Amino acid sequence: METWMKGSLKASCLYGQLPKFQDGDLTLYQSNAILRHLGRSLGLYGKDQQEAALLDVVNDGYVKALPGYLKPFEMLLSQDEGGQAFIVGNQISFADYNLLDLLLIHRVLAPSCLDSFPLLSAYVVRLSARPKLKAFLSSPEHVNRPINGNGKQ
């Protein structure tokens, strides 16, 4: 943290804060801009424009509404494969990763917040079991600083 506060990295960030993402000559700031770029670049932005638009609606909706409104996301999951799929069908997308991150944060801050939402609870378990996510979620870096890495949670 001291390196960040005193170093040149902070001064190089557009808003004076992370995240900062470098992809070749492209430098991006803001987590959702980075997520959308990665989603498009890695084929995680839906299979067509209609799915991409739905992912934008869901992503923008839960970024704003999740703290008080989990029910729409439970209903959304129930509409596809009985809640056993992802936000749009059977392929994971950038919005799934973002929703998972927010749900995990909410569980740290309010451990019982998903108790009334069995599909969202199962969604967290299912996505968290993916090998690379499982490894990250069990790493000391995440376990010791589960929200934003600053250790203040």
N, C-alpha and C. Protein backbone atom coordinates (compact mmCIF):
# COMPACT_ATOMS: atom_id res chain seq x y z
N MET A 1 0.82 -1.19 0.00
CA MET A 1 0.00 0.00 0.00
C MET A 1 0.87 1.26 0.00
N GLU A 2 1.95 1.25 0.77
CA GLU A 2 2.84 2.41 0.81
C GLU A 2 3.45 2.69 -0.55
N THR A 3 3.79 1.63 -1.27
CA THR A 3 4.36 1.79 -2.61
C THR A 3 3.36 2.51 -3.50
N TRP A 4 2.10 2.14 -3.39
CA TRP A 4 1.04 2.76 -4.19
C TRP A 4 0.92 4.24 -3.87
N MET A 5 0.85 4.58 -2.61
CA MET A 5 0.63 5.97 -2.20
C MET A 5 1.81 6.88 -2.56
N LYS A 6 3.03 6.35 -2.50
CA LYS A 6 4.21 7.18 -2.74
C LYS A 6 4.76 7.04 -4.16
N GLY A 7 4.35 6.01 -4.86
CA GLY A 7 4.94 5.71 -6.15
C GLY A 7 4.34 6.49 -7.30
N SER A 8 4.91 6.24 -8.47
CA SER A 8 4.45 6.93 -9.67
C SER A 8 3.21 6.28 -10.26
N LEU A 9 2.85 5.07 -9.83
CA LEU A 9 1.67 4.40 -10.38
C LEU A 9 0.41 5.22 -10.13
N LYS A 10 0.22 5.70 -8.91
CA LYS A 10 -0.97 6.48 -8.59
C LYS A 10 -1.05 7.72 -9.49
N ALA A 11 0.05 8.40 -9.68
CA ALA A 11 0.07 9.60 -10.51
C ALA A 11 -0.24 9.28 -11.97
N SER A 12 0.05 8.06 -12.38
CA SER A 12 -0.19 7.69 -13.78
C SER A 12 -1.63 7.28 -14.06
N CYS A 13 -2.44 7.12 -13.02
CA CYS A 13 -3.82 6.67 -13.20
C CYS A 13 -4.73 7.86 -13.48
N LEU A 14 -5.60 7.68 -14.44
CA LEU A 14 -6.49 8.75 -14.89
C LEU A 14 -7.26 9.38 -13.74
N TYR A 15 -7.81 8.57 -12.85
CA TYR A 15 -8.59 9.09 -11.73
C TYR A 15 -7.83 9.01 -10.41
N GLY A 16 -6.53 8.75 -10.48
CA GLY A 16 -5.72 8.65 -9.27
C GLY A 16 -6.01 7.41 -8.45
N GLN A 17 -6.62 6.41 -9.08
CA GLN A 17 -6.95 5.17 -8.38
C GLN A 17 -6.93 4.00 -9.34
N LEU A 18 -6.77 2.82 -8.79
CA LEU A 18 -6.86 1.60 -9.57
C LEU A 18 -8.32 1.21 -9.72
N PRO A 19 -8.70 0.40 -10.67
CA PRO A 19 -7.83 -0.40 -11.51
C PRO A 19 -7.30 0.35 -12.73
N LYS A 20 -6.17 -0.10 -13.16
CA LYS A 20 -5.54 0.35 -14.40
C LYS A 20 -5.16 -0.91 -15.15
N PHE A 21 -5.52 -0.98 -16.43
CA PHE A 21 -5.29 -2.18 -17.22
C PHE A 21 -4.60 -1.81 -18.52
N GLN A 22 -3.52 -2.48 -18.82
CA GLN A 22 -2.76 -2.23 -20.04
C GLN A 22 -2.92 -3.43 -20.97
N ASP A 23 -3.35 -3.17 -22.21
CA ASP A 23 -3.48 -4.21 -23.23
C ASP A 23 -2.81 -3.67 -24.49
N GLY A 24 -1.53 -3.97 -24.65
CA GLY A 24 -0.77 -3.41 -25.77
C GLY A 24 -0.66 -1.91 -25.60
N ASP A 25 -1.09 -1.16 -26.62
CA ASP A 25 -1.06 0.30 -26.57
C ASP A 25 -2.27 0.90 -25.87
N LEU A 26 -3.25 0.08 -25.53
CA LEU A 26 -4.49 0.54 -24.91
C LEU A 26 -4.37 0.50 -23.39
N THR A 27 -4.65 1.63 -22.75
CA THR A 27 -4.69 1.69 -21.29
C THR A 27 -6.12 2.03 -20.89
N LEU A 28 -6.68 1.20 -20.02
CA LEU A 28 -8.05 1.41 -19.56
C LEU A 28 -8.09 1.60 -18.06
N TYR A 29 -9.08 2.38 -17.61
CA TYR A 29 -9.37 2.60 -16.20
C TYR A 29 -10.84 2.28 -16.02
N GLN A 30 -11.27 2.11 -14.79
CA GLN A 30 -12.65 1.80 -14.44
C GLN A 30 -12.93 0.31 -14.65
N SER A 31 -13.39 -0.33 -13.61
CA SER A 31 -13.54 -1.79 -13.64
C SER A 31 -14.51 -2.27 -14.70
N ASN A 32 -15.63 -1.59 -14.90
CA ASN A 32 -16.59 -2.07 -15.90
C ASN A 32 -16.09 -1.86 -17.33
N ALA A 33 -15.35 -0.81 -17.58
CA ALA A 33 -14.76 -0.63 -18.91
C ALA A 33 -13.76 -1.75 -19.19
N ILE A 34 -12.97 -2.10 -18.18
CA ILE A 34 -12.00 -3.18 -18.32
C ILE A 34 -12.72 -4.51 -18.53
N LEU A 35 -13.77 -4.77 -17.74
CA LEU A 35 -14.53 -6.02 -17.89
C LEU A 35 -15.14 -6.14 -19.28
N ARG A 36 -15.72 -5.06 -19.78
CA ARG A 36 -16.33 -5.11 -21.11
C ARG A 36 -15.27 -5.36 -22.19
N HIS A 37 -14.14 -4.70 -22.07
CA HIS A 37 -13.05 -4.91 -23.04
C HIS A 37 -12.61 -6.37 -23.03
N LEU A 38 -12.38 -6.91 -21.84
CA LEU A 38 -11.97 -8.31 -21.74
C LEU A 38 -13.06 -9.24 -22.25
N GLY A 39 -14.31 -8.92 -21.93
CA GLY A 39 -15.42 -9.73 -22.42
C GLY A 39 -15.45 -9.79 -23.93
N ARG A 40 -15.30 -8.63 -24.58
CA ARG A 40 -15.27 -8.61 -26.05
C ARG A 40 -14.04 -9.33 -26.59
N SER A 41 -12.89 -9.08 -25.99
CA SER A 41 -11.64 -9.65 -26.49
C SER A 41 -11.56 -11.16 -26.33
N LEU A 42 -12.17 -11.68 -25.27
CA LEU A 42 -12.04 -13.11 -24.96
C LEU A 42 -13.28 -13.92 -25.29
N GLY A 43 -14.23 -13.30 -26.02
CA GLY A 43 -15.43 -14.04 -26.41
C GLY A 43 -16.38 -14.30 -25.25
N LEU A 44 -16.39 -13.42 -24.26
CA LEU A 44 -17.25 -13.59 -23.09
C LEU A 44 -18.33 -12.51 -23.03
N TYR A 45 -18.73 -12.02 -24.20
CA TYR A 45 -19.70 -10.93 -24.27
C TYR A 45 -20.95 -11.38 -25.02
N GLY A 46 -21.31 -12.65 -24.87
CA GLY A 46 -22.48 -13.19 -25.56
C GLY A 46 -22.13 -13.62 -26.96
N LYS A 47 -23.01 -14.45 -27.53
CA LYS A 47 -22.74 -14.99 -28.87
C LYS A 47 -23.21 -14.08 -29.99
N ASP A 48 -24.03 -13.07 -29.67
CA ASP A 48 -24.52 -12.14 -30.69
C ASP A 48 -24.86 -10.81 -30.02
N GLN A 49 -25.32 -9.84 -30.82
CA GLN A 49 -25.62 -8.51 -30.30
C GLN A 49 -26.76 -8.54 -29.28
N GLN A 50 -27.73 -9.43 -29.47
CA GLN A 50 -28.85 -9.52 -28.54
C GLN A 50 -28.36 -9.97 -27.16
N GLU A 51 -27.52 -11.00 -27.12
CA GLU A 51 -26.98 -11.44 -25.84
C GLU A 51 -26.07 -10.38 -25.24
N ALA A 52 -25.30 -9.69 -26.07
CA ALA A 52 -24.43 -8.62 -25.56
C ALA A 52 -25.27 -7.52 -24.91
N ALA A 53 -26.38 -7.17 -25.54
CA ALA A 53 -27.26 -6.14 -24.98
C ALA A 53 -27.86 -6.61 -23.65
N LEU A 54 -28.28 -7.88 -23.58
CA LEU A 54 -28.81 -8.41 -22.33
C LEU A 54 -27.75 -8.39 -21.23
N LEU A 55 -26.52 -8.75 -21.59
CA LEU A 55 -25.43 -8.70 -20.61
C LEU A 55 -25.20 -7.27 -20.11
N ASP A 56 -25.29 -6.28 -21.01
CA ASP A 56 -25.15 -4.89 -20.59
C ASP A 56 -26.26 -4.49 -19.62
N VAL A 57 -27.50 -4.89 -19.93
CA VAL A 57 -28.63 -4.57 -19.06
C VAL A 57 -28.42 -5.17 -17.68
N VAL A 58 -28.06 -6.45 -17.65
CA VAL A 58 -27.87 -7.13 -16.37
C VAL A 58 -26.68 -6.54 -15.62
N ASN A 59 -25.57 -6.36 -16.31
CA ASN A 59 -24.38 -5.82 -15.65
C ASN A 59 -24.66 -4.43 -15.08
N ASP A 60 -25.23 -3.55 -15.88
CA ASP A 60 -25.51 -2.20 -15.39
C ASP A 60 -26.55 -2.23 -14.28
N GLY A 61 -27.52 -3.14 -14.39
CA GLY A 61 -28.56 -3.26 -13.37
C GLY A 61 -28.03 -3.70 -12.04
N TYR A 62 -27.19 -4.74 -12.03
CA TYR A 62 -26.74 -5.19 -10.71
C TYR A 62 -25.65 -4.32 -10.13
N VAL A 63 -24.91 -3.62 -10.96
CA VAL A 63 -23.93 -2.69 -10.41
C VAL A 63 -24.67 -1.63 -9.58
N LYS A 64 -25.84 -1.22 -10.04
CA LYS A 64 -26.61 -0.18 -9.35
C LYS A 64 -27.57 -0.73 -8.30
N ALA A 65 -28.17 -1.91 -8.56
CA ALA A 65 -29.29 -2.36 -7.74
C ALA A 65 -28.99 -3.48 -6.76
N LEU A 66 -27.90 -4.19 -6.92
CA LEU A 66 -27.68 -5.39 -6.12
C LEU A 66 -27.75 -5.18 -4.62
N PRO A 67 -27.21 -4.10 -4.07
CA PRO A 67 -27.24 -4.00 -2.61
C PRO A 67 -28.63 -4.19 -2.00
N GLY A 68 -29.66 -3.74 -2.64
CA GLY A 68 -31.00 -3.89 -2.06
C GLY A 68 -31.94 -4.75 -2.85
N TYR A 69 -31.54 -5.23 -4.00
CA TYR A 69 -32.49 -5.90 -4.89
C TYR A 69 -31.91 -7.16 -5.51
N LEU A 70 -31.85 -8.23 -4.75
CA LEU A 70 -31.33 -9.49 -5.28
C LEU A 70 -32.38 -10.29 -6.04
N LYS A 71 -33.65 -10.06 -5.77
CA LYS A 71 -34.71 -10.86 -6.37
C LYS A 71 -34.68 -10.88 -7.90
N PRO A 72 -34.47 -9.76 -8.59
CA PRO A 72 -34.45 -9.83 -10.06
C PRO A 72 -33.37 -10.77 -10.60
N PHE A 73 -32.27 -10.89 -9.89
CA PHE A 73 -31.19 -11.75 -10.37
C PHE A 73 -31.51 -13.21 -10.11
N GLU A 74 -32.22 -13.46 -9.02
CA GLU A 74 -32.71 -14.82 -8.76
C GLU A 74 -33.70 -15.21 -9.86
N MET A 75 -34.60 -14.29 -10.20
CA MET A 75 -35.59 -14.56 -11.26
C MET A 75 -34.91 -14.76 -12.60
N LEU A 76 -33.92 -13.96 -12.89
CA LEU A 76 -33.20 -14.08 -14.16
C LEU A 76 -32.56 -15.46 -14.28
N LEU A 77 -31.92 -15.92 -13.23
CA LEU A 77 -31.29 -17.25 -13.27
C LEU A 77 -32.33 -18.35 -13.43
N SER A 78 -33.51 -18.17 -12.86
CA SER A 78 -34.55 -19.21 -12.94
C SER A 78 -35.08 -19.40 -14.35
N GLN A 79 -34.87 -18.44 -15.22
CA GLN A 79 -35.43 -18.50 -16.58
C GLN A 79 -34.61 -19.35 -17.53
N ASP A 80 -33.45 -19.79 -17.13
CA ASP A 80 -32.58 -20.53 -18.05
C ASP A 80 -32.07 -21.81 -17.39
N GLU A 81 -32.46 -22.94 -17.90
CA GLU A 81 -32.01 -24.25 -17.42
C GLU A 81 -32.24 -24.44 -15.93
N GLY A 82 -33.38 -23.96 -15.45
CA GLY A 82 -33.73 -24.15 -14.04
C GLY A 82 -32.75 -23.55 -13.06
N GLY A 83 -32.08 -22.50 -13.48
CA GLY A 83 -31.13 -21.84 -12.59
C GLY A 83 -29.77 -22.50 -12.55
N GLN A 84 -29.53 -23.45 -13.42
CA GLN A 84 -28.25 -24.17 -13.40
C GLN A 84 -27.27 -23.68 -14.46
N ALA A 85 -27.61 -22.60 -15.15
CA ALA A 85 -26.75 -22.08 -16.22
C ALA A 85 -26.11 -20.76 -15.76
N PHE A 86 -25.72 -19.99 -16.74
CA PHE A 86 -25.13 -18.68 -16.48
C PHE A 86 -26.16 -17.61 -16.82
N ILE A 87 -25.76 -16.36 -16.85
CA ILE A 87 -26.71 -15.28 -17.12
C ILE A 87 -27.36 -15.45 -18.48
N VAL A 88 -26.59 -15.79 -19.50
CA VAL A 88 -27.17 -16.04 -20.83
C VAL A 88 -26.77 -17.44 -21.30
N GLY A 89 -27.53 -18.43 -20.91
CA GLY A 89 -27.31 -19.78 -21.41
C GLY A 89 -26.20 -20.52 -20.70
N ASN A 90 -25.53 -21.39 -21.46
CA ASN A 90 -24.56 -22.29 -20.84
C ASN A 90 -23.11 -21.85 -21.01
N GLN A 91 -22.88 -20.59 -21.40
CA GLN A 91 -21.52 -20.07 -21.52
C GLN A 91 -21.32 -18.91 -20.56
N ILE A 92 -20.24 -18.98 -19.80
CA ILE A 92 -19.94 -17.91 -18.85
C ILE A 92 -19.60 -16.63 -19.61
N SER A 93 -19.91 -15.49 -19.00
CA SER A 93 -19.64 -14.19 -19.62
C SER A 93 -18.97 -13.27 -18.60
N PHE A 94 -18.56 -12.12 -19.06
CA PHE A 94 -17.96 -11.13 -18.16
C PHE A 94 -18.94 -10.72 -17.08
N ALA A 95 -20.22 -10.66 -17.41
CA ALA A 95 -21.23 -10.25 -16.43
C ALA A 95 -21.37 -11.28 -15.32
N ASP A 96 -21.17 -12.57 -15.65
CA ASP A 96 -21.19 -13.61 -14.61
C ASP A 96 -20.06 -13.37 -13.60
N TYR A 97 -18.87 -13.06 -14.10
CA TYR A 97 -17.75 -12.81 -13.20
C TYR A 97 -18.01 -11.59 -12.32
N ASN A 98 -18.59 -10.56 -12.90
CA ASN A 98 -18.87 -9.35 -12.13
C ASN A 98 -19.96 -9.61 -11.09
N LEU A 99 -21.02 -10.33 -11.48
CA LEU A 99 -22.08 -10.66 -10.53
C LEU A 99 -21.52 -11.52 -9.40
N LEU A 100 -20.71 -12.51 -9.73
CA LEU A 100 -20.11 -13.35 -8.70
C LEU A 100 -19.28 -12.50 -7.73
N ASP A 101 -18.48 -11.61 -8.24
CA ASP A 101 -17.66 -10.76 -7.39
C ASP A 101 -18.52 -9.96 -6.42
N LEU A 102 -19.59 -9.38 -6.92
CA LEU A 102 -20.47 -8.59 -6.06
C LEU A 102 -21.18 -9.46 -5.03
N LEU A 103 -21.60 -10.66 -5.44
CA LEU A 103 -22.26 -11.57 -4.48
C LEU A 103 -21.29 -12.01 -3.39
N LEU A 104 -20.05 -12.29 -3.77
CA LEU A 104 -19.05 -12.67 -2.77
C LEU A 104 -18.79 -11.52 -1.79
N ILE A 105 -18.72 -10.31 -2.29
CA ILE A 105 -18.52 -9.14 -1.43
C ILE A 105 -19.70 -9.01 -0.47
N HIS A 106 -20.91 -9.15 -1.00
CA HIS A 106 -22.09 -9.04 -0.14
C HIS A 106 -22.08 -10.10 0.95
N ARG A 107 -21.61 -11.29 0.62
CA ARG A 107 -21.56 -12.36 1.63
C ARG A 107 -20.54 -12.04 2.72
N VAL A 108 -19.47 -11.33 2.38
CA VAL A 108 -18.50 -10.93 3.41
C VAL A 108 -19.16 -9.90 4.34
N LEU A 109 -19.85 -8.95 3.77
CA LEU A 109 -20.44 -7.86 4.55
C LEU A 109 -21.71 -8.27 5.27
N ALA A 110 -22.48 -9.18 4.67
CA ALA A 110 -23.75 -9.65 5.25
C ALA A 110 -23.87 -11.14 4.94
N PRO A 111 -23.26 -11.99 5.77
CA PRO A 111 -23.15 -13.43 5.47
C PRO A 111 -24.46 -14.13 5.12
N SER A 112 -25.58 -13.67 5.61
CA SER A 112 -26.84 -14.35 5.33
C SER A 112 -27.63 -13.72 4.18
N CYS A 113 -27.02 -12.81 3.44
CA CYS A 113 -27.76 -12.06 2.41
C CYS A 113 -28.34 -12.93 1.30
N LEU A 114 -27.77 -14.11 1.07
CA LEU A 114 -28.27 -14.98 0.00
C LEU A 114 -29.16 -16.10 0.52
N ASP A 115 -29.42 -16.12 1.82
CA ASP A 115 -30.20 -17.22 2.40
C ASP A 115 -31.57 -17.39 1.77
N SER A 116 -32.19 -16.32 1.34
CA SER A 116 -33.52 -16.39 0.72
C SER A 116 -33.47 -16.55 -0.79
N PHE A 117 -32.29 -16.75 -1.33
CA PHE A 117 -32.11 -16.83 -2.77
C PHE A 117 -31.34 -18.10 -3.13
N PRO A 118 -32.04 -19.24 -3.20
CA PRO A 118 -31.34 -20.51 -3.43
C PRO A 118 -30.61 -20.59 -4.77
N LEU A 119 -31.15 -19.98 -5.82
CA LEU A 119 -30.46 -20.04 -7.12
C LEU A 119 -29.19 -19.20 -7.10
N LEU A 120 -29.26 -18.03 -6.49
CA LEU A 120 -28.05 -17.20 -6.38
C LEU A 120 -27.01 -17.88 -5.49
N SER A 121 -27.47 -18.51 -4.42
CA SER A 121 -26.54 -19.25 -3.55
C SER A 121 -25.85 -20.37 -4.31
N ALA A 122 -26.64 -21.13 -5.09
CA ALA A 122 -26.08 -22.23 -5.89
C ALA A 122 -25.15 -21.69 -6.98
N TYR A 123 -25.50 -20.54 -7.55
CA TYR A 123 -24.70 -19.89 -8.58
C TYR A 123 -23.31 -19.56 -8.03
N VAL A 124 -23.27 -19.00 -6.82
CA VAL A 124 -22.00 -18.66 -6.18
C VAL A 124 -21.17 -19.93 -5.96
N VAL A 125 -21.81 -20.98 -5.47
CA VAL A 125 -21.09 -22.24 -5.23
C VAL A 125 -20.57 -22.81 -6.54
N ARG A 126 -21.43 -22.81 -7.57
CA ARG A 126 -21.06 -23.39 -8.87
C ARG A 126 -19.90 -22.63 -9.51
N LEU A 127 -19.99 -21.30 -9.56
CA LEU A 127 -18.92 -20.53 -10.18
C LEU A 127 -17.64 -20.57 -9.35
N SER A 128 -17.78 -20.56 -8.04
CA SER A 128 -16.61 -20.59 -7.16
C SER A 128 -15.86 -21.91 -7.24
N ALA A 129 -16.51 -22.95 -7.77
CA ALA A 129 -15.87 -24.27 -7.90
C ALA A 129 -15.06 -24.39 -9.18
N ARG A 130 -15.17 -23.41 -10.08
CA ARG A 130 -14.36 -23.45 -11.30
C ARG A 130 -12.89 -23.45 -10.88
N PRO A 131 -12.06 -24.31 -11.45
CA PRO A 131 -10.70 -24.53 -10.93
C PRO A 131 -9.87 -23.27 -10.68
N LYS A 132 -9.81 -22.36 -11.62
CA LYS A 132 -8.97 -21.16 -11.42
C LYS A 132 -9.58 -20.22 -10.38
N LEU A 133 -10.91 -20.11 -10.40
CA LEU A 133 -11.56 -19.29 -9.38
C LEU A 133 -11.39 -19.90 -8.00
N LYS A 134 -11.54 -21.21 -7.92
CA LYS A 134 -11.38 -21.90 -6.64
C LYS A 134 -9.98 -21.66 -6.07
N ALA A 135 -8.98 -21.77 -6.93
CA ALA A 135 -7.60 -21.53 -6.49
C ALA A 135 -7.42 -20.10 -6.00
N PHE A 136 -7.96 -19.13 -6.74
CA PHE A 136 -7.84 -17.74 -6.32
C PHE A 136 -8.58 -17.49 -5.02
N LEU A 137 -9.82 -17.98 -4.92
CA LEU A 137 -10.63 -17.72 -3.74
C LEU A 137 -10.05 -18.35 -2.47
N SER A 138 -9.25 -19.39 -2.63
CA SER A 138 -8.62 -20.02 -1.46
C SER A 138 -7.20 -19.51 -1.21
N SER A 139 -6.72 -18.61 -2.06
CA SER A 139 -5.36 -18.08 -1.90
C SER A 139 -5.29 -17.13 -0.70
N PRO A 140 -4.13 -17.05 -0.06
CA PRO A 140 -3.97 -16.12 1.07
C PRO A 140 -4.27 -14.67 0.68
N GLU A 141 -3.93 -14.30 -0.54
CA GLU A 141 -4.19 -12.92 -0.99
C GLU A 141 -5.67 -12.59 -0.92
N HIS A 142 -6.52 -13.54 -1.32
CA HIS A 142 -7.96 -13.28 -1.29
C HIS A 142 -8.53 -13.49 0.11
N VAL A 143 -8.13 -14.57 0.76
CA VAL A 143 -8.68 -14.90 2.08
C VAL A 143 -8.40 -13.78 3.07
N ASN A 144 -7.21 -13.21 3.02
CA ASN A 144 -6.83 -12.16 3.97
C ASN A 144 -7.40 -10.79 3.61
N ARG A 145 -7.76 -10.59 2.36
CA ARG A 145 -8.29 -9.30 1.90
C ARG A 145 -9.38 -9.54 0.87
N PRO A 146 -10.53 -10.03 1.29
CA PRO A 146 -11.53 -10.52 0.34
C PRO A 146 -12.30 -9.47 -0.46
N ILE A 147 -12.24 -8.22 -0.10
CA ILE A 147 -13.06 -7.26 -0.83
C ILE A 147 -12.22 -6.46 -1.82
N ASN A 148 -11.45 -5.53 -1.35
CA ASN A 148 -10.70 -4.70 -2.29
C ASN A 148 -9.20 -4.73 -2.08
N GLY A 149 -8.75 -5.62 -1.22
CA GLY A 149 -7.32 -5.77 -1.03
C GLY A 149 -6.68 -4.77 -0.09
N ASN A 150 -7.47 -3.86 0.48
CA ASN A 150 -6.85 -2.87 1.36
C ASN A 150 -6.87 -3.30 2.82
N GLY A 151 -7.48 -4.44 3.12
CA GLY A 151 -7.50 -4.96 4.48
C GLY A 151 -8.39 -4.21 5.44
N LYS A 152 -9.25 -3.32 4.95
CA LYS A 152 -10.10 -2.51 5.84
C LYS A 152 -11.52 -3.05 5.97
N GLN A 153 -11.81 -4.22 5.41
CA GLN A 153 -13.18 -4.71 5.50
C GLN A 153 -13.53 -5.25 6.86
